[in-house]
Every structure is written in C-alpha cells, then in structure tokens.
Amino acid sequence: MAIVLDGEKLSKKIRDDLKKKIGDLGRTLHLAIVRVGDDPATNVFIKMKERVGKEMGVEVTTHAFEKIERTALQEVVLGLSADDAVDGILIQLPLVGIDNEQEILDLVSADKDVDVLGVQAIGRLRHYKEFLYPPVVGSIMALFEAYHIQYRNAFVVLFGGGRLVGSALNTWFKRRDQRVGHAIITEHTTDPEKIIALGDIIIAGVPGEKNAEVITGDMIKDGAVVIDAGYFKLGERRVGNVHFESVSKKASHITPVPGGIGPLTVVWVYKNLYFLASRRIKNA
C-alpha cells in the first residue's frame, strides 16, 4: 500500500513559517485575484486562497466578473499592475469567454506575477538565477524533499500539458533541471497508456470531467510515485485524475484529493507574494 503524501500537513508547516515572515515586513501585503466566469472548481480554489490569505494577515481582493469584454479585462489587469498598493496579481484560470488567455497573463508585471504565468516571469524562470517556483512546481518539490523522494534519476511522465501543471513542469525540467528524463502527454499523444506504464513518477493535472479518475492501477508500474494535481466534484465526492483506490495498491507514494497538492499550491502563492513584496520593499 502506498505512502500517502500529506500536503495539508506540510502546507500548515509552511504557512506557520510564512505568517511570521510576512508579519515581520511591517506592512499589510495585498494580493489581487482576477476571475472571469462562475466555475465551481475555480470558486473552491479562490475561497481557499482568500481563507489562507486572511489567516496570514494578507489583504485579498477578488475582482470577479461573470462576463467581461476583452478590452475591459485588459484595463483591469493593467490597472492592477500599475497600482503600487498591489503586491501580487493572480489571474485565476480559466478565463471563461476570453480567447487567448496568454495575452491577458502577459499583462501582469513579473514583479507581481505570483503564479509565474506571464511571459516576463517565465523568462526569469528560464534564464535568471533568481526566480520563483510556479506554485505546482514548488509544491511538488516540497513534497519530494519532505518525503525524501529522489526524482533526478527517474523517468517522469507529465499527464497533461496545461499552463498550471504540465507546461510549468516541462519548463522546469527543460530549463532548470535537465538531469530529469521526462515525457509530456497531451490530447494529441498516441498510446498514452504505454508512456504512463514507463513512469517512475507520474504527475497528472488535466481538466475536464472526462479525465476524472482516468489513471487506474492497471496503467502504472509497481512502485511508481503518483502526484495528482487534478480536481473534480463528482456529486458529493472530490477526486482527481487518479483512481486513488486502485493506484494506491501499486504505487510507492501517492497524493490524495483533496489534501494533497491543492493546499500546497495555495500556500505557494503566498510564498511567491512574500518573495516579490520583500524584494520591492528592499529595493524601495
């Protein structure tokens, strides 16, 4: 039976340390969240972020729009980027009804991009010595360290190529840790099951209810480490991309849903906010 990687417990430890650091800055930090649409899963994560921000003494303002014209959304993001009272900006994806989300993400200044999704922040990740972990990347690396999981000599399979999970990890491994062999599975990949079966470490993060619990125990090798960054509500159940019951019987380590990656990615937003704000205060 797999060891369950307790993201909730680890996130509390990180929160406690971070709360003190934020308090020592001497002023209240301000995080602005921009949301378009009314997706239930999105609302869950926003509430988590608002709750954690309140716990750590951070002012969190959510700019929520059911619908908004592209030009109006651009003005909102540019205004927040120019506002000295705002320390960090988070564009909650998906932006419902907005084509080319990347153009909106790219409007966020790298000095305020807590999710590391804009072109400036991604450039720093690729090329600079001083950089931020994207929240999912930071969360997974923290779990690997806490549970002494070696990943550098492993073959990593990324199930999904989205911005928040697969793309962020792909950039990390290609630009920051080239000792890691990895493959990324997208909707265009033929025979994904054959690739998953090779994975020493499997990291899943694909949206869409059709992908709920799609990775099952018969698809993975014995002893694989399985990280589930998916999130879906199926009736009263909350699940990820991984069928926990069957996979946990073969894996060596596995994250649960909820209580695995989710709490860590939320707290990592605030780690990034603290890093960016403390740098601005230092350079002021």
Protein backbone atom coordinates (compact mmCIF):
# COMPACT_ATOMS: atom_id res chain seq x y z
CA MET A 1 0.00 0.00 0.00
CA ALA A 2 1.32 3.43 -0.96
CA ILE A 3 2.57 6.08 1.45
CA VAL A 4 0.08 8.96 1.30
CA LEU A 5 1.80 12.33 0.79
CA ASP A 6 0.10 14.67 3.25
CA GLY A 7 0.03 18.05 1.53
CA GLU A 8 -2.28 19.53 4.16
CA LYS A 9 0.16 18.81 6.99
CA LEU A 10 3.13 20.16 5.03
CA SER A 11 1.23 23.26 3.94
CA LYS A 12 0.42 24.09 7.58
CA LYS A 13 4.11 23.92 8.46
CA ILE A 14 4.96 26.25 5.57
CA ARG A 15 2.08 28.61 6.48
CA ASP A 16 3.22 28.94 10.07
CA ASP A 17 6.74 29.93 8.98
CA LEU A 18 5.47 32.24 6.26
CA LYS A 19 2.98 34.03 8.51
CA LYS A 20 5.82 35.17 10.76
CA LYS A 21 7.91 36.36 7.81
CA ILE A 22 5.01 38.32 6.35
CA GLY A 23 4.32 39.89 9.75
CA ASP A 24 7.95 40.97 10.05
CA LEU A 25 7.69 43.03 6.84
CA GLY A 26 5.95 45.77 8.77
CA ARG A 27 3.01 46.37 6.44
CA THR A 28 -0.01 44.54 5.13
CA LEU A 29 0.52 42.81 1.79
CA HIS A 30 -2.15 42.97 -0.90
CA LEU A 31 -2.99 40.17 -3.34
CA ALA A 32 -5.42 40.85 -6.19
CA ILE A 33 -7.25 37.91 -7.76
CA VAL A 34 -8.98 38.26 -11.14
CA ARG A 35 -11.69 35.77 -12.04
CA VAL A 36 -13.95 35.52 -15.10
CA GLY A 37 -16.85 33.06 -15.11
CA ASP A 38 -18.50 31.01 -12.40
CA ASP A 39 -16.81 27.59 -12.50
CA PRO A 40 -17.46 25.61 -9.25
CA ALA A 41 -13.93 24.18 -9.06
CA THR A 42 -12.48 27.66 -9.62
CA ASN A 43 -14.63 29.05 -6.83
CA VAL A 44 -13.33 26.39 -4.43
CA PHE A 45 -9.71 27.39 -5.06
CA ILE A 46 -10.46 31.10 -4.77
CA LYS A 47 -12.13 30.57 -1.41
CA MET A 48 -9.11 28.57 -0.26
CA LYS A 49 -6.80 31.39 -1.34
CA GLU A 50 -8.94 34.01 0.39
CA ARG A 51 -9.06 31.96 3.60
CA VAL A 52 -5.31 31.34 3.69
CA GLY A 53 -4.62 35.00 2.93
CA LYS A 54 -6.80 36.06 5.85
CA GLU A 55 -5.00 33.61 8.15
CA MET A 56 -1.65 35.18 7.23
CA GLY A 57 -2.79 38.78 7.51
CA VAL A 58 -2.77 39.43 3.75
CA GLU A 59 -5.41 41.67 2.19
CA VAL A 60 -7.01 39.71 -0.66
CA THR A 61 -9.33 41.43 -3.13
CA THR A 62 -11.14 39.34 -5.74
CA HIS A 63 -12.19 41.09 -8.94
CA ALA A 64 -14.92 38.74 -10.15
CA PHE A 65 -16.77 39.03 -13.44
CA GLU A 66 -19.35 36.63 -14.83
CA LYS A 67 -18.73 38.18 -18.24
CA ILE A 68 -16.39 40.93 -19.37
CA GLU A 69 -15.18 42.32 -22.67
CA ARG A 70 -11.56 41.63 -23.51
CA THR A 71 -10.55 45.31 -23.61
CA ALA A 72 -12.19 45.93 -20.24
CA LEU A 73 -10.34 42.96 -18.73
CA GLN A 74 -7.07 44.27 -20.14
CA GLU A 75 -7.72 47.61 -18.44
CA VAL A 76 -8.37 45.86 -15.11
CA VAL A 77 -5.12 43.87 -15.26
CA LEU A 78 -3.03 46.82 -16.43
CA GLY A 79 -4.51 48.94 -13.66
CA LEU A 80 -3.59 46.39 -11.02
CA SER A 81 -0.09 46.06 -12.45
CA ALA A 82 0.38 49.83 -12.18
CA ASP A 83 -1.10 50.12 -8.68
CA ASP A 84 1.66 50.46 -6.07
CA ALA A 85 -0.75 49.26 -3.37
CA VAL A 86 -0.99 45.84 -5.05
CA ASP A 87 1.89 43.46 -4.25
CA GLY A 88 0.77 40.45 -6.26
CA ILE A 89 -1.68 39.54 -9.00
CA LEU A 90 -3.24 36.15 -9.67
CA ILE A 91 -5.25 35.53 -12.84
CA GLN A 92 -7.49 32.60 -11.96
CA LEU A 93 -7.81 30.25 -14.91
CA PRO A 94 -9.84 29.51 -16.92
CA LEU A 95 -10.90 32.96 -18.11
CA VAL A 96 -14.34 31.98 -19.36
CA GLY A 97 -15.22 33.54 -22.70
CA ILE A 98 -11.77 35.10 -23.22
CA ASP A 99 -9.79 33.97 -26.25
CA ASN A 100 -6.00 33.70 -25.98
CA GLU A 101 -5.65 33.76 -22.21
CA GLN A 102 -1.88 34.09 -22.54
CA GLU A 103 -2.20 37.65 -23.82
CA ILE A 104 -4.00 38.57 -20.59
CA LEU A 105 -1.44 36.72 -18.44
CA ASP A 106 1.36 38.57 -20.20
CA LEU A 107 -0.03 41.91 -18.99
CA VAL A 108 0.93 41.02 -15.41
CA SER A 109 4.27 42.50 -14.39
CA ALA A 110 6.88 39.89 -13.47
CA ASP A 111 7.29 41.78 -10.18
CA LYS A 112 3.69 40.88 -9.27
CA ASP A 113 3.18 37.54 -11.05
CA VAL A 114 2.64 35.13 -8.15
CA ASP A 115 1.59 32.28 -10.47
CA VAL A 116 4.59 32.64 -12.83
CA LEU A 117 2.38 32.51 -15.91
CA GLY A 118 3.25 35.71 -17.79
CA VAL A 119 5.99 35.83 -20.41
CA GLN A 120 8.25 38.01 -18.22
CA ALA A 121 8.05 35.68 -15.22
CA ILE A 122 8.53 32.57 -17.37
CA GLY A 123 11.60 34.23 -18.90
CA ARG A 124 13.07 34.73 -15.45
CA LEU A 125 12.43 31.07 -14.64
CA ARG A 126 14.24 30.00 -17.79
CA HIS A 127 17.23 32.32 -17.68
CA TYR A 128 17.80 34.04 -14.32
CA LYS A 129 19.47 32.70 -11.20
CA GLU A 130 16.88 34.44 -9.04
CA PHE A 131 13.43 33.11 -9.86
CA LEU A 132 10.14 31.91 -8.44
CA TYR A 133 8.82 28.38 -8.47
CA PRO A 134 5.45 28.16 -10.19
CA PRO A 135 3.10 27.04 -7.38
CA VAL A 136 2.59 23.46 -8.61
CA VAL A 137 6.33 23.02 -9.22
CA GLY A 138 7.18 24.38 -5.78
CA SER A 139 4.54 22.18 -4.15
CA ILE A 140 5.81 19.00 -5.77
CA MET A 141 9.45 19.79 -4.99
CA ALA A 142 8.47 20.45 -1.36
CA LEU A 143 6.74 17.06 -1.14
CA PHE A 144 9.70 15.30 -2.72
CA GLU A 145 12.02 16.91 -0.17
CA ALA A 146 9.77 16.23 2.82
CA TYR A 147 9.32 12.55 1.90
CA HIS A 148 12.88 12.02 0.59
CA ILE A 149 11.73 11.12 -2.92
CA GLN A 150 14.55 11.12 -5.47
CA TYR A 151 13.45 12.36 -8.87
CA ARG A 152 16.61 13.29 -10.75
CA ASN A 153 17.38 9.78 -11.96
CA ALA A 154 13.74 8.91 -12.56
CA PHE A 155 11.65 8.95 -15.72
CA VAL A 156 8.83 11.44 -15.15
CA VAL A 157 5.56 11.30 -17.07
CA LEU A 158 3.55 14.53 -17.17
CA PHE A 159 -0.09 13.71 -17.85
CA GLY A 160 -1.38 16.95 -19.38
CA GLY A 161 0.25 19.98 -20.95
CA GLY A 162 -1.75 22.80 -19.38
CA ARG A 163 -0.16 26.01 -18.12
CA LEU A 164 -0.57 25.34 -14.41
CA VAL A 165 0.83 21.81 -14.25
CA GLY A 166 2.30 20.11 -17.33
CA SER A 167 3.70 23.18 -19.07
CA ALA A 168 5.17 24.61 -15.85
CA LEU A 169 6.89 21.32 -15.01
CA ASN A 170 8.05 20.85 -18.59
CA THR A 171 9.73 24.27 -18.47
CA TRP A 172 11.25 23.46 -15.09
CA PHE A 173 12.77 20.18 -16.20
CA LYS A 174 13.98 21.53 -19.56
CA ARG A 175 15.47 24.78 -18.27
CA ARG A 176 16.26 24.22 -14.61
CA ASP A 177 16.89 20.52 -14.04
CA GLN A 178 17.98 18.90 -17.26
CA ARG A 179 19.08 15.75 -15.43
CA VAL A 180 15.47 14.60 -15.38
CA GLY A 181 14.17 12.47 -18.24
CA HIS A 182 10.54 13.26 -18.87
CA ALA A 183 7.69 12.94 -21.35
CA ILE A 184 4.55 15.04 -21.61
CA ILE A 185 1.21 13.54 -22.61
CA THR A 186 -1.31 15.79 -24.35
CA GLU A 187 -4.59 15.15 -26.17
CA HIS A 188 -2.52 14.57 -29.33
CA THR A 189 -0.38 11.79 -27.84
CA THR A 190 -0.93 8.34 -29.33
CA ASP A 191 -0.96 5.36 -26.95
CA PRO A 192 -0.65 7.41 -23.72
CA GLU A 193 -1.11 4.23 -21.68
CA LYS A 194 2.24 2.90 -22.94
CA ILE A 195 4.00 6.06 -21.77
CA ILE A 196 2.28 6.09 -18.38
CA ALA A 197 3.40 2.48 -17.85
CA LEU A 198 7.04 3.62 -18.13
CA GLY A 199 6.79 6.32 -15.50
CA ASP A 200 8.80 6.11 -12.31
CA ILE A 201 6.98 9.30 -11.35
CA ILE A 202 3.58 10.25 -12.79
CA ILE A 203 2.30 13.80 -12.37
CA ALA A 204 -1.27 14.35 -13.52
CA GLY A 205 -3.11 17.63 -13.99
CA VAL A 206 -5.75 17.59 -16.73
CA PRO A 207 -9.09 19.47 -16.55
CA GLY A 208 -12.42 18.21 -17.85
CA GLU A 209 -14.68 15.73 -16.07
CA LYS A 210 -13.95 13.05 -18.66
CA ASN A 211 -10.46 12.92 -17.13
CA ALA A 212 -11.69 12.30 -13.58
CA GLU A 213 -10.06 9.15 -12.15
CA VAL A 214 -8.82 8.26 -15.63
CA ILE A 215 -5.47 6.86 -14.42
CA THR A 216 -6.07 3.46 -12.86
CA GLY A 217 -3.91 0.91 -11.07
CA ASP A 218 -3.50 -1.36 -14.07
CA MET A 219 -1.85 1.52 -16.00
CA ILE A 220 1.12 2.18 -13.70
CA LYS A 221 4.25 0.22 -12.84
CA ASP A 222 4.75 -1.21 -9.38
CA GLY A 223 6.38 1.28 -7.03
CA ALA A 224 5.65 4.41 -9.09
CA VAL A 225 5.28 7.76 -7.35
CA VAL A 226 1.95 9.31 -8.33
CA ILE A 227 1.18 13.01 -7.93
CA ASP A 228 -2.42 14.02 -8.62
CA ALA A 229 -2.98 17.73 -9.33
CA GLY A 230 -6.45 17.24 -10.83
CA TYR A 231 -9.63 18.31 -9.08
CA PHE A 232 -13.28 17.47 -9.81
CA LYS A 233 -16.55 17.33 -7.89
CA LEU A 234 -18.49 14.19 -8.74
CA GLY A 235 -21.68 14.50 -6.74
CA GLU A 236 -20.55 14.55 -3.11
CA ARG A 237 -17.11 13.17 -3.98
CA ARG A 238 -13.97 15.19 -4.69
CA VAL A 239 -11.49 13.38 -6.89
CA GLY A 240 -8.55 13.96 -9.21
CA ASN A 241 -7.17 12.45 -12.41
CA VAL A 242 -6.09 9.34 -10.49
CA HIS A 243 -8.29 6.49 -9.27
CA PHE A 244 -6.91 6.55 -5.74
CA GLU A 245 -8.17 3.16 -4.55
CA SER A 246 -6.63 1.09 -7.34
CA VAL A 247 -3.47 3.15 -7.86
CA SER A 248 -2.58 3.27 -4.17
CA LYS A 249 -2.32 -0.52 -4.16
CA LYS A 250 0.59 -0.42 -6.65
CA ALA A 251 2.26 2.96 -6.12
CA SER A 252 5.01 3.58 -3.57
CA HIS A 253 3.76 7.13 -2.84
CA ILE A 254 0.57 8.94 -3.81
CA THR A 255 -1.13 12.27 -3.16
CA PRO A 256 -4.79 12.25 -2.11
CA VAL A 257 -7.53 14.50 -3.46
CA PRO A 258 -8.35 16.56 -1.50
CA GLY A 259 -5.44 17.17 0.86
CA GLY A 260 -2.50 16.62 -1.47
CA ILE A 261 -1.27 19.17 -3.98
CA GLY A 262 -4.16 21.65 -3.58
CA PRO A 263 -3.31 23.07 -0.12
CA LEU A 264 0.36 23.37 -1.08
CA THR A 265 -0.28 25.28 -4.31
CA VAL A 266 -2.39 27.77 -2.37
CA VAL A 267 0.28 28.44 0.23
CA TRP A 268 2.92 28.65 -2.52
CA VAL A 269 1.08 31.62 -3.99
CA TYR A 270 1.77 33.39 -0.71
CA LYS A 271 5.40 32.28 -0.64
CA ASN A 272 5.77 33.95 -4.04
CA LEU A 273 3.86 37.02 -2.85
CA TYR A 274 6.23 37.35 0.11
CA PHE A 275 9.29 36.96 -2.10
CA LEU A 276 8.14 39.61 -4.58
CA ALA A 277 6.97 42.06 -1.91
CA SER A 278 10.08 41.74 0.24
CA ARG A 279 12.24 42.38 -2.81
CA ARG A 280 10.23 45.50 -3.68
CA ILE A 281 10.47 46.75 -0.09
CA LYS A 282 14.21 46.11 -0.03
CA ASN A 283 14.76 47.99 -3.30
CA ALA A 284 12.46 50.89 -2.45
